[in-house]
């Protein structure tokens, strides 16, 4: 078995203030953006190498779709999808950060054994054993705000003050993890754009930037790539037509203090940030 890399991939933004790019590989048949899917080992490796060569410092591997309306994948199926994918990526790319996108502690354990460095948990560690996994492996963890579950999260979400409520949620979870013994600097905060939010909520959270982060020392991650908000905002019904809107939001990320940006289109985001940095 491949173990977690001895080195520690960086989860804070670059010295020039630009986010680190996390490429998405979905080992699923039903993730919302078809081009993010990879269902053979050759395809997984091809995507991972392409991302690495085109500016990704992280690759996020997921074996369960969490798009609106998605149903939960059985444990064995998710394990089968994720473990081998992470192992071949780690073997080929020893110096890239690998994140596993899962809500299940058993999947996280297997992913780390096969070479993952981080756990990206959209449920903010709803699995009671996930805290033990993070503590024992001393690995970074991304906690995300979500109102409801993927199968029902877009059924009329409502907030009195979305920025305040999301920040309070992330603060509460972060404090619980710190009290459990997890290093606060390893706790990445994600406001959960599109997870139990309407367009107005998403725009408020993006405008707020680091205001939602529980503690200034904690990194901030955004995941906005090709999401439904661009259908609502721009009228782009098809996911393949949402790249321009995605890049427009990504261009805001440096000024909003984003440390990691999770994207489907690695090369385009790398080009964006390279061009922006050259103009400063």
C-alpha atoms as a PDB file:
ATOM      1  CA  UNK A   1       0.000   0.000   0.000  1.00  0.00           C
ATOM      2  CA  UNK A   2       1.101   3.541  -0.727  1.00  0.00           C
ATOM      3  CA  UNK A   3       1.217   5.729   2.360  1.00  0.00           C
ATOM      4  CA  UNK A   4       0.398   9.402   2.670  1.00  0.00           C
ATOM      5  CA  UNK A   5       3.195  11.501   1.268  1.00  0.00           C
ATOM      6  CA  UNK A   6       5.905  12.356   3.822  1.00  0.00           C
ATOM      7  CA  UNK A   7       5.884  15.953   2.579  1.00  0.00           C
ATOM      8  CA  UNK A   8       3.006  18.251   3.468  1.00  0.00           C
ATOM      9  CA  UNK A   9       1.284  19.879   0.496  1.00  0.00           C
ATOM     10  CA  UNK A  10       0.476  23.528   1.129  1.00  0.00           C
ATOM     11  CA  UNK A  11      -3.083  24.601   1.909  1.00  0.00           C
ATOM     12  CA  UNK A  12      -2.508  28.354   2.220  1.00  0.00           C
ATOM     13  CA  UNK A  13      -2.489  30.638  -0.807  1.00  0.00           C
ATOM     14  CA  UNK A  14       0.690  31.417  -2.714  1.00  0.00           C
ATOM     15  CA  UNK A  15       2.999  34.190  -1.538  1.00  0.00           C
ATOM     16  CA  UNK A  16       1.606  36.410  -4.306  1.00  0.00           C
ATOM     17  CA  UNK A  17      -1.910  35.983  -2.918  1.00  0.00           C
ATOM     18  CA  UNK A  18      -3.236  33.718  -5.664  1.00  0.00           C
ATOM     19  CA  UNK A  19      -5.105  30.543  -4.730  1.00  0.00           C
ATOM     20  CA  UNK A  20      -3.709  27.083  -5.156  1.00  0.00           C
ATOM     21  CA  UNK A  21      -5.610  25.183  -7.827  1.00  0.00           C
ATOM     22  CA  UNK A  22      -7.372  21.921  -6.983  1.00  0.00           C
ATOM     23  CA  UNK A  23      -8.483  19.878  -9.995  1.00  0.00           C
ATOM     24  CA  UNK A  24     -11.574  17.666  -9.761  1.00  0.00           C
ATOM     25  CA  UNK A  25     -11.691  14.028 -10.837  1.00  0.00           C
ATOM     26  CA  UNK A  26     -15.024  12.295 -10.264  1.00  0.00           C
ATOM     27  CA  UNK A  27     -14.859   8.511 -10.329  1.00  0.00           C
ATOM     28  CA  UNK A  28     -18.616   8.427 -10.805  1.00  0.00           C
ATOM     29  CA  UNK A  29     -21.126   7.881 -13.607  1.00  0.00           C
ATOM     30  CA  UNK A  30     -23.427  10.734 -12.570  1.00  0.00           C
ATOM     31  CA  UNK A  31     -21.497  13.827 -11.443  1.00  0.00           C
ATOM     32  CA  UNK A  32     -23.127  16.971 -12.796  1.00  0.00           C
ATOM     33  CA  UNK A  33     -20.301  17.928 -15.189  1.00  0.00           C
ATOM     34  CA  UNK A  34     -19.743  15.049 -17.581  1.00  0.00           C
ATOM     35  CA  UNK A  35     -16.152  15.984 -18.463  1.00  0.00           C
ATOM     36  CA  UNK A  36     -15.087  15.657 -14.821  1.00  0.00           C
ATOM     37  CA  UNK A  37     -15.958  11.957 -14.826  1.00  0.00           C
ATOM     38  CA  UNK A  38     -13.328   9.238 -15.220  1.00  0.00           C
ATOM     39  CA  UNK A  39     -14.393   5.624 -15.141  1.00  0.00           C
ATOM     40  CA  UNK A  40     -11.254   3.712 -16.104  1.00  0.00           C
ATOM     41  CA  UNK A  41      -7.795   3.721 -14.573  1.00  0.00           C
ATOM     42  CA  UNK A  42      -6.272   4.949 -17.818  1.00  0.00           C
ATOM     43  CA  UNK A  43      -8.694   7.868 -17.955  1.00  0.00           C
ATOM     44  CA  UNK A  44      -8.111   8.732 -14.298  1.00  0.00           C
ATOM     45  CA  UNK A  45      -4.359   8.802 -14.771  1.00  0.00           C
ATOM     46  CA  UNK A  46      -4.605  10.781 -18.011  1.00  0.00           C
ATOM     47  CA  UNK A  47      -6.726  13.456 -16.318  1.00  0.00           C
ATOM     48  CA  UNK A  48      -4.474  13.604 -13.260  1.00  0.00           C
ATOM     49  CA  UNK A  49      -1.277  13.996 -15.292  1.00  0.00           C
ATOM     50  CA  UNK A  50      -2.875  16.669 -17.481  1.00  0.00           C
ATOM     51  CA  UNK A  51      -3.951  18.623 -14.410  1.00  0.00           C
ATOM     52  CA  UNK A  52      -0.537  18.328 -12.806  1.00  0.00           C
ATOM     53  CA  UNK A  53       1.213  19.515 -15.958  1.00  0.00           C
ATOM     54  CA  UNK A  54      -1.157  22.459 -16.306  1.00  0.00           C
ATOM     55  CA  UNK A  55      -1.002  24.067 -12.888  1.00  0.00           C
ATOM     56  CA  UNK A  56      -2.866  21.916 -10.354  1.00  0.00           C
ATOM     57  CA  UNK A  57      -1.197  21.560  -6.963  1.00  0.00           C
ATOM     58  CA  UNK A  58      -4.071  19.439  -5.666  1.00  0.00           C
ATOM     59  CA  UNK A  59      -6.319  16.781  -7.163  1.00  0.00           C
ATOM     60  CA  UNK A  60      -9.655  16.042  -5.489  1.00  0.00           C
ATOM     61  CA  UNK A  61     -10.937  12.498  -6.080  1.00  0.00           C
ATOM     62  CA  UNK A  62     -14.587  11.720  -5.401  1.00  0.00           C
ATOM     63  CA  UNK A  63     -16.515   8.463  -5.685  1.00  0.00           C
ATOM     64  CA  UNK A  64     -19.979   9.778  -4.866  1.00  0.00           C
ATOM     65  CA  UNK A  65     -21.892  12.507  -6.665  1.00  0.00           C
ATOM     66  CA  UNK A  66     -23.204  15.209  -4.337  1.00  0.00           C
ATOM     67  CA  UNK A  67     -25.043  17.207  -7.002  1.00  0.00           C
ATOM     68  CA  UNK A  68     -28.548  18.410  -6.046  1.00  0.00           C
ATOM     69  CA  UNK A  69     -30.886  15.427  -5.964  1.00  0.00           C
ATOM     70  CA  UNK A  70     -28.119  12.815  -5.757  1.00  0.00           C
ATOM     71  CA  UNK A  71     -28.640   9.700  -3.657  1.00  0.00           C
ATOM     72  CA  UNK A  72     -26.004   8.148  -1.405  1.00  0.00           C
ATOM     73  CA  UNK A  73     -23.607   5.569  -2.828  1.00  0.00           C
ATOM     74  CA  UNK A  74     -23.095   2.329  -0.926  1.00  0.00           C
ATOM     75  CA  UNK A  75     -19.858   2.044   1.034  1.00  0.00           C
ATOM     76  CA  UNK A  76     -18.309  -0.810  -0.931  1.00  0.00           C
ATOM     77  CA  UNK A  77     -19.002   0.893  -4.235  1.00  0.00           C
ATOM     78  CA  UNK A  78     -17.404   4.148  -3.114  1.00  0.00           C
ATOM     79  CA  UNK A  79     -14.382   2.287  -1.719  1.00  0.00           C
ATOM     80  CA  UNK A  80     -13.898   0.458  -4.988  1.00  0.00           C
ATOM     81  CA  UNK A  81     -14.121   3.651  -6.998  1.00  0.00           C
ATOM     82  CA  UNK A  82     -11.777   5.755  -4.900  1.00  0.00           C
ATOM     83  CA  UNK A  83      -8.970   3.600  -3.505  1.00  0.00           C
ATOM     84  CA  UNK A  84      -7.387   2.372  -6.727  1.00  0.00           C
ATOM     85  CA  UNK A  85      -7.788   5.786  -8.345  1.00  0.00           C
ATOM     86  CA  UNK A  86      -5.821   7.461  -5.559  1.00  0.00           C
ATOM     87  CA  UNK A  87      -3.175   4.754  -5.575  1.00  0.00           C
ATOM     88  CA  UNK A  88      -2.366   5.138  -9.265  1.00  0.00           C
ATOM     89  CA  UNK A  89      -2.315   8.934  -9.012  1.00  0.00           C
ATOM     90  CA  UNK A  90       0.087   8.785  -6.068  1.00  0.00           C
ATOM     91  CA  UNK A  91       2.339   6.301  -7.841  1.00  0.00           C
ATOM     92  CA  UNK A  92       2.557   8.476 -10.944  1.00  0.00           C
ATOM     93  CA  UNK A  93       2.543  11.891  -9.234  1.00  0.00           C
ATOM     94  CA  UNK A  94       4.434  11.629  -5.919  1.00  0.00           C
ATOM     95  CA  UNK A  95       4.597  15.403  -5.440  1.00  0.00           C
ATOM     96  CA  UNK A  96       0.988  16.428  -5.913  1.00  0.00           C
ATOM     97  CA  UNK A  97      -1.529  16.954  -3.130  1.00  0.00           C
ATOM     98  CA  UNK A  98      -4.382  14.451  -3.214  1.00  0.00           C
ATOM     99  CA  UNK A  99      -7.714  15.113  -1.538  1.00  0.00           C
ATOM    100  CA  UNK A 100     -10.496  12.563  -1.112  1.00  0.00           C
ATOM    101  CA  UNK A 101     -14.033  13.916  -1.375  1.00  0.00           C
ATOM    102  CA  UNK A 102     -16.061  11.714   0.970  1.00  0.00           C
ATOM    103  CA  UNK A 103     -18.484  11.728   3.891  1.00  0.00           C
ATOM    104  CA  UNK A 104     -17.532   8.215   5.061  1.00  0.00           C
ATOM    105  CA  UNK A 105     -14.704   7.541   7.512  1.00  0.00           C
ATOM    106  CA  UNK A 106     -14.059   4.087   6.030  1.00  0.00           C
ATOM    107  CA  UNK A 107     -13.453   5.668   2.624  1.00  0.00           C
ATOM    108  CA  UNK A 108     -11.196   8.309   4.168  1.00  0.00           C
ATOM    109  CA  UNK A 109      -9.121   5.630   5.929  1.00  0.00           C
ATOM    110  CA  UNK A 110      -8.655   3.661   2.718  1.00  0.00           C
ATOM    111  CA  UNK A 111      -7.874   6.797   0.709  1.00  0.00           C
ATOM    112  CA  UNK A 112      -5.152   7.855   3.147  1.00  0.00           C
ATOM    113  CA  UNK A 113      -3.640   4.375   3.108  1.00  0.00           C
ATOM    114  CA  UNK A 114      -3.482   4.578  -0.680  1.00  0.00           C
ATOM    115  CA  UNK A 115      -1.826   8.009  -0.700  1.00  0.00           C
ATOM    116  CA  UNK A 116      -4.358  10.792  -0.017  1.00  0.00           C
ATOM    117  CA  UNK A 117      -3.179  13.835   1.953  1.00  0.00           C
ATOM    118  CA  UNK A 118      -6.469  15.554   2.764  1.00  0.00           C
ATOM    119  CA  UNK A 119     -10.119  14.771   3.492  1.00  0.00           C
ATOM    120  CA  UNK A 120     -12.696  17.003   1.812  1.00  0.00           C
ATOM    121  CA  UNK A 121     -15.967  16.351   3.665  1.00  0.00           C
ATOM    122  CA  UNK A 122     -19.032  18.238   2.464  1.00  0.00           C
ATOM    123  CA  UNK A 123     -20.930  17.089   5.566  1.00  0.00           C
ATOM    124  CA  UNK A 124     -18.371  18.682   7.925  1.00  0.00           C
ATOM    125  CA  UNK A 125     -17.540  15.364   9.615  1.00  0.00           C
ATOM    126  CA  UNK A 126     -21.066  14.064  10.179  1.00  0.00           C
ATOM    127  CA  UNK A 127     -19.578  10.560  10.462  1.00  0.00           C
ATOM    128  CA  UNK A 128     -18.636  10.306  14.173  1.00  0.00           C
ATOM    129  CA  UNK A 129     -15.423   8.419  13.407  1.00  0.00           C
ATOM    130  CA  UNK A 130     -14.134  10.970  10.901  1.00  0.00           C
ATOM    131  CA  UNK A 131     -12.650  13.117  13.666  1.00  0.00           C
ATOM    132  CA  UNK A 132     -10.534  10.167  14.793  1.00  0.00           C
ATOM    133  CA  UNK A 133      -9.301   9.624  11.241  1.00  0.00           C
ATOM    134  CA  UNK A 134      -8.209  13.257  10.928  1.00  0.00           C
ATOM    135  CA  UNK A 135      -6.563  13.324  14.345  1.00  0.00           C
ATOM    136  CA  UNK A 136      -4.706  10.031  13.932  1.00  0.00           C
ATOM    137  CA  UNK A 137      -3.347  10.965  10.506  1.00  0.00           C
ATOM    138  CA  UNK A 138      -2.719  14.655  11.295  1.00  0.00           C
ATOM    139  CA  UNK A 139      -4.033  15.531   7.844  1.00  0.00           C
ATOM    140  CA  UNK A 140      -5.807  18.652   6.601  1.00  0.00           C
ATOM    141  CA  UNK A 141      -9.587  18.504   6.469  1.00  0.00           C
ATOM    142  CA  UNK A 142     -12.022  20.703   4.594  1.00  0.00           C
ATOM    143  CA  UNK A 143     -15.329  21.301   6.357  1.00  0.00           C
ATOM    144  CA  UNK A 144     -18.200  22.695   4.315  1.00  0.00           C
ATOM    145  CA  UNK A 145     -21.524  24.272   5.145  1.00  0.00           C
ATOM    146  CA  UNK A 146     -24.556  22.551   3.673  1.00  0.00           C
ATOM    147  CA  UNK A 147     -28.207  23.122   4.515  1.00  0.00           C
ATOM    148  CA  UNK A 148     -29.863  19.709   4.241  1.00  0.00           C
ATOM    149  CA  UNK A 149     -28.509  16.758   2.254  1.00  0.00           C
ATOM    150  CA  UNK A 150     -27.691  16.465  -1.463  1.00  0.00           C
ATOM    151  CA  UNK A 151     -31.019  14.766  -2.148  1.00  0.00           C
ATOM    152  CA  UNK A 152     -33.038  17.660  -0.674  1.00  0.00           C
ATOM    153  CA  UNK A 153     -30.691  20.622  -0.129  1.00  0.00           C
ATOM    154  CA  UNK A 154     -32.214  22.754  -2.899  1.00  0.00           C
ATOM    155  CA  UNK A 155     -35.776  22.334  -1.643  1.00  0.00           C
ATOM    156  CA  UNK A 156     -36.431  25.955  -0.690  1.00  0.00           C
ATOM    157  CA  UNK A 157     -33.309  26.804   1.356  1.00  0.00           C
ATOM    158  CA  UNK A 158     -33.744  29.883   3.547  1.00  0.00           C
ATOM    159  CA  UNK A 159     -31.621  32.071   5.833  1.00  0.00           C
ATOM    160  CA  UNK A 160     -32.102  35.225   7.838  1.00  0.00           C
ATOM    161  CA  UNK A 161     -28.461  36.221   7.342  1.00  0.00           C
ATOM    162  CA  UNK A 162     -26.591  33.680   5.254  1.00  0.00           C
ATOM    163  CA  UNK A 163     -23.088  35.056   5.898  1.00  0.00           C
ATOM    164  CA  UNK A 164     -23.610  35.174   9.650  1.00  0.00           C
ATOM    165  CA  UNK A 165     -25.199  31.727   9.784  1.00  0.00           C
ATOM    166  CA  UNK A 166     -22.561  30.035   7.636  1.00  0.00           C
ATOM    167  CA  UNK A 167     -19.756  31.638   9.651  1.00  0.00           C
ATOM    168  CA  UNK A 168     -21.336  30.534  12.917  1.00  0.00           C
ATOM    169  CA  UNK A 169     -21.699  26.984  11.646  1.00  0.00           C
ATOM    170  CA  UNK A 170     -18.068  26.813  10.481  1.00  0.00           C
ATOM    171  CA  UNK A 171     -16.917  28.355  13.765  1.00  0.00           C
ATOM    172  CA  UNK A 172     -18.875  25.818  15.821  1.00  0.00           C
ATOM    173  CA  UNK A 173     -17.554  22.824  13.883  1.00  0.00           C
ATOM    174  CA  UNK A 174     -13.994  24.177  13.897  1.00  0.00           C
ATOM    175  CA  UNK A 175     -14.024  24.740  17.653  1.00  0.00           C
ATOM    176  CA  UNK A 176     -15.311  21.221  18.206  1.00  0.00           C
ATOM    177  CA  UNK A 177     -12.485  19.806  16.109  1.00  0.00           C
ATOM    178  CA  UNK A 178      -9.846  21.915  17.870  1.00  0.00           C
ATOM    179  CA  UNK A 179     -11.137  20.783  21.270  1.00  0.00           C
ATOM    180  CA  UNK A 180     -10.859  17.214  20.002  1.00  0.00           C
ATOM    181  CA  UNK A 181      -7.156  17.846  19.341  1.00  0.00           C
ATOM    182  CA  UNK A 182      -7.069  18.693  15.639  1.00  0.00           C
ATOM    183  CA  UNK A 183      -4.702  21.499  14.622  1.00  0.00           C
ATOM    184  CA  UNK A 184      -6.780  24.549  13.682  1.00  0.00           C
ATOM    185  CA  UNK A 185      -4.377  25.450  10.865  1.00  0.00           C
ATOM    186  CA  UNK A 186      -5.330  22.151   9.189  1.00  0.00           C
ATOM    187  CA  UNK A 187      -9.043  23.017   9.135  1.00  0.00           C
ATOM    188  CA  UNK A 188     -10.078  24.459   5.782  1.00  0.00           C
ATOM    189  CA  UNK A 189     -13.372  26.354   5.653  1.00  0.00           C
ATOM    190  CA  UNK A 190     -15.719  26.088   2.652  1.00  0.00           C
ATOM    191  CA  UNK A 191     -18.953  28.142   2.550  1.00  0.00           C
ATOM    192  CA  UNK A 192     -20.611  25.508   0.355  1.00  0.00           C
ATOM    193  CA  UNK A 193     -21.607  27.474  -2.728  1.00  0.00           C
ATOM    194  CA  UNK A 194     -24.633  25.749  -4.267  1.00  0.00           C
ATOM    195  CA  UNK A 195     -25.195  23.416  -1.330  1.00  0.00           C
ATOM    196  CA  UNK A 196     -28.538  24.424   0.117  1.00  0.00           C
ATOM    197  CA  UNK A 197     -28.346  27.983  -1.243  1.00  0.00           C
ATOM    198  CA  UNK A 198     -30.231  30.127  -3.712  1.00  0.00           C
ATOM    199  CA  UNK A 199     -28.465  32.526  -6.070  1.00  0.00           C
ATOM    200  CA  UNK A 200     -28.814  35.420  -3.641  1.00  0.00           C
ATOM    201  CA  UNK A 201     -27.183  33.342  -0.879  1.00  0.00           C
ATOM    202  CA  UNK A 202     -24.308  32.281  -3.119  1.00  0.00           C
ATOM    203  CA  UNK A 203     -23.605  35.856  -4.196  1.00  0.00           C
ATOM    204  CA  UNK A 204     -23.634  37.086  -0.604  1.00  0.00           C
ATOM    205  CA  UNK A 205     -21.160  34.398   0.462  1.00  0.00           C
ATOM    206  CA  UNK A 206     -18.834  35.074  -2.449  1.00  0.00           C
ATOM    207  CA  UNK A 207     -18.903  38.803  -1.750  1.00  0.00           C
ATOM    208  CA  UNK A 208     -18.129  38.121   1.917  1.00  0.00           C
ATOM    209  CA  UNK A 209     -14.988  36.121   1.104  1.00  0.00           C
ATOM    210  CA  UNK A 210     -12.972  35.500   4.255  1.00  0.00           C
ATOM    211  CA  UNK A 211     -15.695  36.928   6.469  1.00  0.00           C
ATOM    212  CA  UNK A 212     -17.102  33.399   6.756  1.00  0.00           C
ATOM    213  CA  UNK A 213     -13.841  31.855   7.994  1.00  0.00           C
ATOM    214  CA  UNK A 214     -14.022  30.787  11.605  1.00  0.00           C
ATOM    215  CA  UNK A 215     -10.464  31.873  12.466  1.00  0.00           C
ATOM    216  CA  UNK A 216      -8.024  34.023  10.509  1.00  0.00           C
ATOM    217  CA  UNK A 217      -5.371  31.286  10.564  1.00  0.00           C
ATOM    218  CA  UNK A 218      -7.677  28.822   8.789  1.00  0.00           C
ATOM    219  CA  UNK A 219      -7.575  28.475   4.997  1.00  0.00           C
ATOM    220  CA  UNK A 220     -10.580  29.259   2.797  1.00  0.00           C
ATOM    221  CA  UNK A 221     -11.650  27.087  -0.124  1.00  0.00           C
ATOM    222  CA  UNK A 222     -14.116  27.963  -2.878  1.00  0.00           C
ATOM    223  CA  UNK A 223     -15.871  25.483  -5.134  1.00  0.00           C
ATOM    224  CA  UNK A 224     -17.912  27.371  -7.726  1.00  0.00           C
ATOM    225  CA  UNK A 225     -16.885  25.629 -10.931  1.00  0.00           C
ATOM    226  CA  UNK A 226     -19.700  25.382 -13.512  1.00  0.00           C
ATOM    227  CA  UNK A 227     -22.410  25.320 -10.834  1.00  0.00           C
ATOM    228  CA  UNK A 228     -26.101  26.022 -11.216  1.00  0.00           C
ATOM    229  CA  UNK A 229     -25.602  29.592 -10.016  1.00  0.00           C
ATOM    230  CA  UNK A 230     -24.409  30.377 -13.556  1.00  0.00           C
ATOM    231  CA  UNK A 231     -27.696  29.097 -14.942  1.00  0.00           C
ATOM    232  CA  UNK A 232     -29.520  31.407 -12.540  1.00  0.00           C
ATOM    233  CA  UNK A 233     -27.173  34.341 -13.073  1.00  0.00           C
ATOM    234  CA  UNK A 234     -26.407  34.072 -16.785  1.00  0.00           C
ATOM    235  CA  UNK A 235     -29.056  31.786 -18.225  1.00  0.00           C
ATOM    236  CA  UNK A 236     -26.474  29.138 -19.127  1.00  0.00           C
ATOM    237  CA  UNK A 237     -28.505  25.949 -18.894  1.00  0.00           C
ATOM    238  CA  UNK A 238     -25.740  23.560 -19.943  1.00  0.00           C
ATOM    239  CA  UNK A 239     -22.697  22.956 -17.757  1.00  0.00           C
ATOM    240  CA  UNK A 240     -20.374  23.150 -20.777  1.00  0.00           C
ATOM    241  CA  UNK A 241     -21.433  26.786 -21.280  1.00  0.00           C
ATOM    242  CA  UNK A 242     -20.500  27.986 -17.790  1.00  0.00           C
ATOM    243  CA  UNK A 243     -16.720  28.364 -18.026  1.00  0.00           C
ATOM    244  CA  UNK A 244     -16.704  32.136 -18.593  1.00  0.00           C
ATOM    245  CA  UNK A 245     -18.889  32.744 -15.556  1.00  0.00           C
ATOM    246  CA  UNK A 246     -16.717  30.406 -13.499  1.00  0.00           C
ATOM    247  CA  UNK A 247     -13.562  32.289 -14.478  1.00  0.00           C
ATOM    248  CA  UNK A 248     -15.230  35.597 -13.682  1.00  0.00           C
ATOM    249  CA  UNK A 249     -15.819  34.469 -10.109  1.00  0.00           C
ATOM    250  CA  UNK A 250     -12.357  32.904  -9.923  1.00  0.00           C
ATOM    251  CA  UNK A 251     -10.838  36.277 -10.821  1.00  0.00           C
ATOM    252  CA  UNK A 252     -12.347  37.645  -7.570  1.00  0.00           C
ATOM    253  CA  UNK A 253     -10.768  34.929  -5.434  1.00  0.00           C
ATOM    254  CA  UNK A 254      -7.386  36.590  -4.761  1.00  0.00           C
ATOM    255  CA  UNK A 255      -9.025  39.768  -3.489  1.00  0.00           C
ATOM    256  CA  UNK A 256     -11.348  37.713  -1.273  1.00  0.00           C
ATOM    257  CA  UNK A 257      -8.541  35.817   0.454  1.00  0.00           C
ATOM    258  CA  UNK A 258      -9.210  32.407  -1.069  1.00  0.00           C
ATOM    259  CA  UNK A 259      -6.449  29.868  -0.435  1.00  0.00           C
ATOM    260  CA  UNK A 260      -7.630  26.940  -2.590  1.00  0.00           C
ATOM    261  CA  UNK A 261      -9.992  26.994  -5.556  1.00  0.00           C
ATOM    262  CA  UNK A 262     -11.575  23.695  -6.597  1.00  0.00           C
ATOM    263  CA  UNK A 263     -12.111  23.605 -10.370  1.00  0.00           C
ATOM    264  CA  UNK A 264     -12.886  21.394 -13.331  1.00  0.00           C
ATOM    265  CA  UNK A 265     -10.805  23.475 -15.783  1.00  0.00           C
ATOM    266  CA  UNK A 266      -7.282  23.560 -14.387  1.00  0.00           C
ATOM    267  CA  UNK A 267      -5.422  24.971 -17.371  1.00  0.00           C
ATOM    268  CA  UNK A 268      -7.854  27.864 -17.848  1.00  0.00           C
ATOM    269  CA  UNK A 269      -7.612  28.846 -14.181  1.00  0.00           C
ATOM    270  CA  UNK A 270      -3.830  28.599 -14.255  1.00  0.00           C
ATOM    271  CA  UNK A 271      -3.733  30.854 -17.310  1.00  0.00           C
ATOM    272  CA  UNK A 272      -6.099  33.301 -15.610  1.00  0.00           C
ATOM    273  CA  UNK A 273      -3.940  33.632 -12.514  1.00  0.00           C
ATOM    274  CA  UNK A 274      -0.710  33.733 -14.488  1.00  0.00           C
ATOM    275  CA  UNK A 275      -2.036  36.600 -16.581  1.00  0.00           C
ATOM    276  CA  UNK A 276      -3.394  38.446 -13.554  1.00  0.00           C
ATOM    277  CA  UNK A 277      -0.144  38.102 -11.618  1.00  0.00           C
ATOM    278  CA  UNK A 278       1.864  39.437 -14.552  1.00  0.00           C
ATOM    279  CA  UNK A 279      -0.177  42.650 -14.524  1.00  0.00           C
ATOM    280  CA  UNK A 280       0.436  43.487 -10.883  1.00  0.00           C
END
